[in-house]
Each structure stands twice: as C-alpha cells, then as structure tokens.
Protein backbone atom coordinates (compact mmCIF):
# COMPACT_ATOMS: atom_id res chain seq x y z
CA MET A 1 0.00 0.00 0.00
CA LEU A 2 2.88 2.39 0.77
CA PRO A 3 5.48 3.21 -1.89
CA GLY A 4 8.72 1.30 -1.93
CA GLY A 5 11.40 2.69 0.36
CA SER A 6 8.86 3.84 2.99
CA LEU A 7 9.26 3.03 6.67
CA VAL A 8 6.52 2.43 9.23
CA GLY A 9 6.96 2.44 13.00
CA ARG A 10 4.53 2.04 15.89
CA LEU A 11 4.70 5.03 18.21
CA ALA A 12 2.28 3.91 20.94
CA GLY A 13 -1.07 2.11 21.19
CA ASP A 14 -2.97 2.88 17.99
CA GLN A 15 -0.47 5.50 16.76
CA PHE A 16 1.72 4.69 13.78
CA VAL A 17 4.32 6.80 11.99
CA PRO A 18 5.03 6.20 8.28
CA LEU A 19 8.01 7.90 6.65
CA LEU A 20 7.18 8.06 2.96
CA ASP A 21 9.67 8.05 0.11
CA ASP A 22 10.04 11.60 -1.22
CA ARG A 23 10.88 10.78 -4.83
CA ASP A 24 7.27 11.47 -5.86
CA PRO A 25 5.83 13.78 -3.17
CA ALA A 26 2.84 14.72 -5.33
CA ALA A 27 1.59 11.13 -5.06
CA ASN A 28 1.72 11.00 -1.26
CA PRO A 29 -1.72 12.58 -0.57
CA ALA A 30 -3.38 9.93 -2.75
CA VAL A 31 -1.43 7.21 -0.90
CA LEU A 32 -2.61 8.50 2.47
CA ASP A 33 -6.20 8.84 1.26
CA HIS A 34 -5.98 5.22 0.17
CA VAL A 35 -4.85 4.25 3.69
CA LEU A 36 -7.86 6.09 5.18
CA ALA A 37 -10.22 4.35 2.78
CA ALA A 38 -8.73 0.93 3.59
CA VAL A 39 -9.21 1.49 7.33
CA ARG A 40 -12.73 2.84 6.83
CA ASP A 41 -13.78 -0.12 4.67
CA TYR A 42 -12.28 -2.79 6.93
CA ARG A 43 -14.73 -5.01 8.84
CA GLN A 44 -13.94 -7.55 11.55
CA GLY A 45 -16.39 -10.13 12.84
CA SER A 46 -16.80 -10.20 16.63
CA GLY A 47 -19.50 -12.03 18.57
CA GLY A 48 -21.80 -12.18 15.61
CA ASN A 49 -21.36 -8.48 14.86
CA LEU A 50 -19.20 -6.57 12.41
CA VAL A 51 -16.78 -4.08 13.95
CA SER A 52 -15.55 -1.13 11.88
CA ALA A 53 -12.76 1.39 12.45
CA SER A 54 -11.69 4.85 11.38
CA ALA A 55 -8.42 6.76 11.36
CA SER A 56 -7.08 10.28 11.32
CA ILE A 57 -3.81 11.21 9.64
CA GLY A 58 -1.61 14.21 10.23
CA ALA A 59 1.13 14.55 7.60
CA ILE A 60 3.99 17.05 7.28
CA ARG A 61 5.93 17.85 4.12
CA PHE A 62 9.58 18.55 4.95
CA ARG A 63 13.00 18.71 3.36
CA ARG A 64 15.91 16.60 4.49
CA GLY A 65 17.70 18.33 7.36
CA GLN A 66 14.91 20.85 7.95
CA ALA A 67 14.20 19.57 11.47
CA ASP A 68 15.00 16.64 13.74
CA TYR A 69 12.59 13.76 14.11
CA ALA A 70 11.29 14.94 17.50
CA GLU A 71 10.16 18.23 15.98
CA LEU A 72 8.61 16.48 12.97
CA LEU A 73 6.70 14.10 15.22
CA ARG A 74 5.42 17.02 17.28
CA LEU A 75 4.15 18.79 14.17
CA ALA A 76 2.61 15.61 12.77
CA ASP A 77 0.86 14.97 16.10
CA ALA A 78 -0.60 18.51 16.03
CA ALA A 79 -1.80 17.98 12.45
CA CYS A 80 -3.42 14.71 13.47
CA ALA A 81 -5.16 16.44 16.39
CA THR A 82 -6.53 18.99 13.92
CA ALA A 83 -7.85 16.18 11.72
CA LYS A 84 -9.64 14.71 14.75
CA ASP A 85 -11.05 18.14 15.73
CA GLN A 86 -12.48 18.46 12.22
CA GLY A 87 -14.50 15.30 12.65
CA GLY A 88 -11.97 12.50 12.27
CA ASN A 89 -11.52 9.96 9.49
CA ARG A 90 -9.66 12.53 7.41
CA LEU A 91 -6.21 13.66 6.31
CA ARG A 92 -4.59 16.88 7.46
CA LEU A 93 -1.59 17.61 5.22
CA ALA A 94 0.60 20.67 5.83
CA ALA A 95 3.94 22.08 4.82
CA PHE A 96 6.57 22.27 7.54
CA GLU A 97 6.32 26.06 7.84
CA SER A 98 2.54 26.22 8.05
CA ALA A 99 2.49 23.29 10.48
CA ALA A 100 4.91 25.14 12.74
CA ASP A 101 2.63 28.20 12.63
CA ALA A 102 -0.38 26.03 13.45
CA VAL A 103 1.42 24.51 16.43
CA ALA A 104 2.28 28.00 17.68
CA GLU A 105 -1.38 29.03 17.37
CA HIS A 106 -2.49 25.87 19.14
CA THR A 107 0.01 26.46 21.94
CA ALA A 108 -1.16 30.06 22.35
CA ALA A 109 -4.80 28.94 22.47
CA LEU A 110 -3.89 26.29 25.03
CA ARG A 111 -2.29 28.96 27.25
CA TRP A 112 -5.49 31.00 27.01
CA ALA A 113 -7.50 27.89 27.93
CA VAL A 114 -5.37 27.41 31.04
CA ARG A 115 -5.94 31.06 31.99
CA LEU A 116 -9.66 30.66 31.31
CA ASP A 117 -9.86 27.61 33.57
CA ALA A 118 -8.09 29.49 36.37
CA ALA A 119 -10.32 32.54 35.90
CA LEU A 120 -13.48 30.43 36.15
CA ARG A 121 -12.13 28.69 39.22
CA ASP A 122 -10.88 31.82 41.01
CA GLY A 123 -13.45 34.37 39.87
CA HIS A 124 -11.29 36.57 37.63
CA PHE A 125 -14.18 37.72 35.45
CA ARG A 126 -16.09 40.99 35.43
CA LEU A 127 -19.49 41.82 33.97
CA TYR A 128 -19.70 44.71 31.53
CA CYS A 129 -22.80 46.22 29.95
CA GLN A 130 -23.50 47.91 26.63
CA SER A 131 -26.80 49.59 25.83
CA ILE A 132 -29.25 48.49 23.17
CA THR A 133 -31.34 51.57 22.50
CA GLY A 134 -34.50 52.22 20.51
CA LEU A 135 -34.15 53.94 17.14
CA GLN A 136 -37.82 54.64 16.42
CA GLY A 137 -38.55 57.07 19.27
CA ILE A 138 -40.65 54.54 21.15
CA GLU A 139 -40.24 54.58 24.92
CA HIS A 140 -39.66 51.24 26.61
CA GLY A 141 -40.09 50.18 30.18
CA GLY A 142 -36.46 50.39 31.22
CA ARG A 143 -32.89 49.67 30.21
CA HIS A 144 -32.17 47.31 27.35
CA LEU A 145 -28.58 46.05 27.39
CA GLU A 146 -26.18 43.24 26.57
CA ILE A 147 -23.97 41.58 29.15
CA LEU A 148 -20.32 41.29 28.06
CA LEU A 149 -17.90 39.14 30.04
CA ARG A 150 -14.32 40.33 30.50
CA MET A 151 -11.42 38.37 31.99
CA VAL A 152 -9.13 40.28 34.34
CA ASP A 153 -5.43 39.48 34.77
CA PRO A 154 -5.07 38.67 38.49
CA ASP A 155 -1.54 40.09 38.64
CA THR A 156 -1.97 43.38 36.77
CA CYS A 157 -5.77 43.86 37.03
CA GLU A 158 -5.68 44.49 33.27
CA VAL A 159 -8.90 43.76 31.36
CA LEU A 160 -7.94 41.19 28.72
CA PRO A 161 -9.26 41.14 25.12
CA PRO A 162 -12.30 38.88 24.75
CA GLY A 163 -11.36 37.38 21.37
CA PRO A 164 -8.69 34.89 22.53
CA VAL A 165 -10.81 33.91 25.54
CA VAL A 166 -13.83 33.03 23.39
CA ALA A 167 -11.64 31.25 20.81
CA ALA A 168 -9.99 29.13 23.50
CA ALA A 169 -13.36 28.30 25.08
CA GLU A 170 -14.69 27.07 21.74
CA LYS A 171 -11.53 25.19 20.73
CA PHE A 172 -11.19 23.33 24.02
CA HIS A 173 -14.93 22.73 24.57
CA MET A 174 -15.24 25.07 27.56
CA GLY A 175 -18.06 27.15 26.07
CA PRO A 176 -20.98 25.70 28.07
CA ARG A 177 -19.03 26.07 31.30
CA LEU A 178 -18.27 29.71 30.46
CA ASP A 179 -21.90 30.37 29.49
CA ARG A 180 -23.15 28.88 32.75
CA HIS A 181 -20.81 31.22 34.59
CA VAL A 182 -22.12 34.27 32.69
CA VAL A 183 -25.77 33.39 33.30
CA ASP A 184 -25.19 32.61 36.98
CA SER A 185 -23.07 35.74 37.58
CA THR A 186 -25.58 37.99 35.81
CA LEU A 187 -28.55 36.67 37.78
CA ALA A 188 -26.57 36.85 41.02
CA TRP A 189 -25.67 40.50 40.38
CA PHE A 190 -29.28 41.54 39.77
CA GLU A 191 -30.41 39.50 42.78
CA ARG A 192 -28.02 41.59 44.90
CA HIS A 193 -29.16 44.85 43.25
CA PRO A 194 -32.97 44.93 43.19
CA GLN A 195 -33.00 48.65 42.32
CA ALA A 196 -31.05 47.92 39.13
CA LEU A 197 -33.36 45.00 38.38
CA ALA A 198 -36.35 47.35 38.64
CA GLN A 199 -34.76 49.50 35.88
CA LEU A 200 -34.18 46.52 33.59
CA ASP A 201 -36.34 45.97 30.52
CA ALA A 202 -34.22 43.33 28.77
CA CYS A 203 -30.77 41.86 29.37
CA ALA A 204 -29.12 39.96 26.50
CA ILE A 205 -26.61 37.17 27.15
CA ASN A 206 -24.62 35.61 24.30
CA LEU A 207 -24.35 31.82 24.18
CA CYS A 208 -21.90 29.68 22.23
CA ALA A 209 -23.01 26.98 19.79
CA ALA A 210 -21.97 24.19 22.17
CA SER A 211 -24.44 25.42 24.81
CA VAL A 212 -27.27 25.33 22.29
CA ASN A 213 -26.32 21.72 21.51
CA ASP A 214 -25.84 20.79 25.19
CA PRO A 215 -28.91 18.77 26.32
CA GLY A 216 -28.19 19.72 29.94
CA PHE A 217 -28.18 23.48 29.40
CA PRO A 218 -32.00 23.95 29.50
CA ASP A 219 -32.04 22.02 32.79
CA PHE A 220 -29.41 24.39 34.16
CA LEU A 221 -31.50 27.39 33.07
CA ARG A 222 -34.66 25.91 34.59
CA GLU A 223 -32.98 25.24 37.94
CA ARG A 224 -31.21 28.61 38.09
CA PHE A 225 -34.27 30.70 37.28
CA ALA A 226 -36.39 28.66 39.71
CA ARG A 227 -34.36 30.10 42.60
CA SER A 228 -33.87 33.58 41.17
CA SER A 229 -35.75 36.84 41.74
CA VAL A 230 -34.99 37.82 38.13
CA PRO A 231 -38.05 37.28 35.90
CA PRO A 232 -37.09 35.11 32.90
CA GLY A 233 -38.89 37.55 30.60
CA LYS A 234 -36.21 40.15 31.34
CA VAL A 235 -33.45 37.92 29.91
CA CYS A 236 -32.78 37.43 26.19
CA LEU A 237 -30.45 34.63 25.09
CA GLU A 238 -28.52 35.33 21.90
CA ILE A 239 -27.54 32.43 19.65
CA THR A 240 -25.68 32.89 16.37
CA GLU A 241 -27.40 32.33 13.07
CA THR A 242 -24.63 30.03 11.84
CA SER A 243 -24.88 27.72 14.88
CA ALA A 244 -28.67 27.60 14.58
CA VAL A 245 -28.56 26.68 10.89
CA ARG A 246 -25.81 24.10 11.35
CA ASP A 247 -27.86 22.18 13.94
CA LEU A 248 -31.39 23.29 13.15
CA ASN A 249 -33.15 20.56 15.17
CA ASP A 250 -31.02 21.24 18.25
CA ALA A 251 -31.65 24.97 17.87
CA GLN A 252 -35.41 24.42 17.62
CA GLN A 253 -35.41 22.27 20.76
CA PHE A 254 -33.29 24.79 22.65
CA ILE A 255 -35.50 27.69 21.59
CA ALA A 256 -38.65 25.80 22.58
CA ALA A 257 -37.22 24.90 25.99
CA SER A 258 -36.10 28.51 26.59
CA LYS A 259 -39.48 29.87 25.50
CA ALA A 260 -41.20 27.47 27.90
CA LEU A 261 -39.23 29.13 30.71
CA GLY A 262 -40.38 32.57 29.56
CA LEU A 263 -37.01 33.67 28.18
CA GLN A 264 -36.61 35.85 25.10
CA LEU A 265 -34.41 34.76 22.17
CA ALA A 266 -32.33 36.64 19.60
CA LEU A 267 -30.66 35.35 16.44
CA ASP A 268 -27.21 36.97 16.48
CA ASP A 269 -25.03 37.85 13.45
CA PHE A 270 -28.18 37.61 11.35
CA GLY A 271 -27.66 37.75 7.59
CA ALA A 272 -24.05 36.59 7.68
CA GLY A 273 -24.95 33.41 5.79
CA PHE A 274 -27.45 35.22 3.55
CA CYS A 275 -29.56 32.08 3.40
CA SER A 276 -31.50 33.09 6.47
CA PHE A 277 -35.00 33.67 5.15
CA ALA A 278 -35.71 30.05 4.23
CA TYR A 279 -35.76 28.78 7.82
CA LEU A 280 -37.20 31.74 9.74
CA ARG A 281 -40.51 29.99 10.33
CA ARG A 282 -38.67 27.21 12.14
CA LEU A 283 -36.82 29.52 14.57
CA ASP A 284 -39.23 31.22 16.95
CA VAL A 285 -37.00 34.07 18.13
CA ASP A 286 -37.96 37.58 19.24
CA TYR A 287 -35.10 39.55 17.67
CA PHE A 288 -32.93 39.46 14.59
CA LYS A 289 -29.56 40.98 15.44
CA ILE A 290 -28.20 42.24 12.12
CA ASP A 291 -24.60 41.25 11.46
CA GLY A 292 -22.27 44.18 12.15
CA SER A 293 -20.40 43.86 8.84
CA PHE A 294 -23.51 45.09 7.00
CA VAL A 295 -24.13 47.91 9.46
CA ARG A 296 -20.54 49.12 9.35
CA ASP A 297 -20.65 49.38 5.53
CA LEU A 298 -24.12 50.86 5.39
CA GLU A 299 -23.01 54.25 4.02
CA SER A 300 -20.54 52.88 1.47
CA SER A 301 -22.10 49.66 0.16
CA ALA A 302 -25.32 49.43 -1.82
CA LEU A 303 -25.41 45.70 -1.09
CA SER A 304 -25.20 46.23 2.69
CA LEU A 305 -27.93 48.85 2.46
CA ALA A 306 -30.19 46.45 0.54
CA ILE A 307 -29.54 43.60 2.98
CA VAL A 308 -30.30 45.72 6.06
CA ARG A 309 -33.46 47.10 4.43
CA SER A 310 -34.61 43.57 3.49
CA ILE A 311 -34.00 42.21 6.99
CA ALA A 312 -35.94 45.08 8.56
CA GLU A 313 -38.87 44.64 6.17
CA ILE A 314 -39.06 40.87 6.58
CA ALA A 315 -38.82 41.17 10.37
CA ARG A 316 -41.76 43.59 10.42
CA SER A 317 -43.80 41.27 8.19
CA ILE A 318 -43.48 38.40 10.69
CA ASP A 319 -43.73 40.56 13.82
CA LYS A 320 -40.08 40.32 14.87
CA ARG A 321 -37.83 43.14 16.06
CA THR A 322 -34.41 44.05 14.70
CA ILE A 323 -31.20 45.13 16.43
CA ALA A 324 -28.24 46.57 14.53
CA GLU A 325 -24.74 45.92 15.85
CA PHE A 326 -21.72 48.21 15.27
CA VAL A 327 -23.62 51.49 15.29
CA GLU A 328 -20.47 53.60 15.29
CA ASN A 329 -21.77 57.13 14.59
CA ASP A 330 -24.86 59.30 14.32
CA ALA A 331 -25.01 59.01 10.51
CA ILE A 332 -25.36 55.22 10.69
CA ARG A 333 -27.79 55.53 13.59
CA ASP A 334 -30.03 57.91 11.63
CA ARG A 335 -29.87 55.78 8.50
CA LEU A 336 -30.89 52.69 10.44
CA ALA A 337 -33.85 54.58 11.87
CA GLN A 338 -34.92 55.53 8.34
CA LEU A 339 -34.72 51.88 7.28
CA GLY A 340 -37.04 50.88 10.11
CA VAL A 341 -34.52 49.04 12.30
CA ASP A 342 -35.89 48.93 15.84
CA PHE A 343 -32.77 49.01 18.03
CA GLY A 344 -29.08 49.87 17.78
CA GLN A 345 -25.96 48.91 19.70
CA GLY A 346 -22.41 50.22 19.31
CA TYR A 347 -19.85 52.86 20.18
CA GLY A 348 -22.03 55.52 18.54
CA ILE A 349 -24.50 54.91 21.37
CA ASP A 350 -22.24 54.01 24.27
CA ARG A 351 -19.17 51.94 25.12
CA PRO A 352 -19.15 48.84 27.35
CA GLN A 353 -18.82 49.73 31.03
CA PRO A 354 -18.48 47.70 34.24
CA ILE A 355 -21.97 46.83 35.37
CA ASP A 356 -21.74 48.79 38.63
CA GLN A 357 -20.74 51.96 36.77
CA TYR A 358 -23.30 51.36 34.05
CA PHE A 359 -26.23 51.56 36.45
CA LEU A 360 -24.91 54.80 37.99
CA ARG A 361 -25.33 56.61 34.64
CA PRO A 362 -28.51 57.69 32.86
CA ALA A 363 -29.88 55.25 30.31
CA ALA A 364 -28.26 55.59 26.86
CA SER A 365 -31.63 56.58 25.38
CA MET A 366 -31.47 59.76 27.51
CA LEU A 367 -27.92 60.74 26.53
CA ARG A 368 -28.73 62.01 23.00
CA ARG A 369 -31.58 64.34 24.03
C-alpha cells in the first residue's frame, strides 16, 4: 500500500508513523487517502457483529535536514489532532512552515484555555454592559442592554481582550461552562441589586453553539431561574445564526425549551450566511440581530444597504424586532432609523462599562436628548 522505500513504526497504542519516500511527493496525498479508505472499509467479525474502524492522519511535508525527528513528530501529532477536531476519518496535510505556525497558534490557544480555567475557578471575570437603545422614538419600560464578560489578569488587574478567551473556550470545549458562569453571575448581580433589576427591561446574554447543543443546558436554566428573583422575561439569550442553521433541530429544541421558561431569544449575526430567510418559520425568536459587517458598511455599500433594508422589512412582516450591531456614529444611527430598524448597539451609542458603573449613569436613550 505504501510506496517502496517507505518506513513504518509504531509510536504507541494505535499510533503509527510512516516515513514516505520523497521521490514522488505529489503522489503521497493519494497514498494517504488510500490508507484512510482501507481502514474505513475494513470489517472484523466479533461475537456475531461486524466491527468497523476509522483513522485520522496528520502529515507534514519537509526537506531533508529541515528539522530533527522529535520536531517532525510534534508537528505531525498537532496535524493529526486537527484532523480529529475536524471530525476524524480525514487527512490533514501541511507544509513544515505552516504546520509550525499552526502549532504555535495551538500552543497560544492552550495557554489562554489554562488562563480561562483558572479565571473560572478563582473568579477573575467581570461583567460589563452595553446599551441596546430604541431607534424609532418609542419609549420602553427600562434599560435594554447586553452583558459582556471580561477576563481580568489577576496580577496586573488588566482587562484582557475577549477574542482569545472566546476562541480558547470554543476550541477546548469550555463554552458551556463559560456560558453557565455568565448566566449565573448575571442573575446573582441583579439579585443583589434589586433597584437595578427594577430599571431593567431586557438583558441579552450571548451563548456559544456548544451550549445550544448541550442537552443539559436547559435544565441548568430551569434550575437557576427557579431560585432567582430575576423574571425570565427580562433575559434574552442570543444564539448565532450560523450555529442555529448548522444544527437546526437542536436549535429548535433549545428555543422551545427557553421559550417554555419565559425567556426571550435573539438570532445573532443575522444575515451573515445570507440564506437566512428560508428557515425563519422554524426559529421562533424575538429579535434578529443584524450582522455588524452590513451595518458598518451601510453608508458605502449598496449591497449592505439592501440587505439591512430587506431584513428590517421581513422582520416587520413576521412581527419580529431588529437590532443593529456596530452602530459607530450618528449618521449610521439615523440611517438605520430611516430603514425601520428597531434598536441599535455600538460605540455611537455608548461603550461597554463595568456593570456597577453602568447603572450609575442615565440610560443611553437619555444621553442624546
């Protein structure tokens, strides 16, 4: 099966390391695909049943003398881990240089995951708020906001960027744990501050795709709200459009369970896939949160303008409300109002603030008067 001159060694357990002849490197991907197919098609009788198997392959292209075998094995192992993360039973083939970059990225993400684990354990997170304000001049019953979680460095007290934290949580399957922490911390804060709760109209909390697919998450929500003074109707869970479409049945079940508790739902990053309208009847959410890339380009892109207008019109036709992200200035804010978008969120309205400071200031809807 392998070309002549190749070597195969057993590293440990079910891990094998082939060293392929490099006289025809262009043929090697086909050889490795053939190995995958042979493993996938193999059947072994056992106790009257047929047992099948699968494999993942991480392969590195390298030149003689480019690195020692220990380094090559490390890179190949990282490539194999990537193949498994992508669903398994596949080949991940990379050049030496790109594999080294991927290992560096993986190592950096792993460091963030370690910091995330410590922060969850030791309480090194802070709640921030950003306003979601009405654009149509309609008064609402209180503050409408989104909760944003920020990790704090315990040594320097520096607020760390959220991007690497979220990426590490998703990569290392810590998303549901992080989401549970956000929900619990948010409810606990409002339970300790009943005057702030009395001002609250709606509080949005972003959830990762893994929480939507976690069968235990609705049970967590049910138990936590059962012992909370925060009415479920004041909380809006945001799930991304892409995660909802990817696992439509799971999303429907999650939405139904959340609705049964009295929670509101928003479809975040709406329009990013631009195939959204076909499945709207299957996703019973309250808000469409328009993807910020369209809002940011509203004044310079005819396509973005058309997309935002279409989303606003379709939302009105099915009695849903719209929220625009990335409202960075008054010109965009005014244009969104003309298009019939219901709410806006962004630096043109206010910047995220620690929750204690946020409730000491007037509501963002009062700041522009």
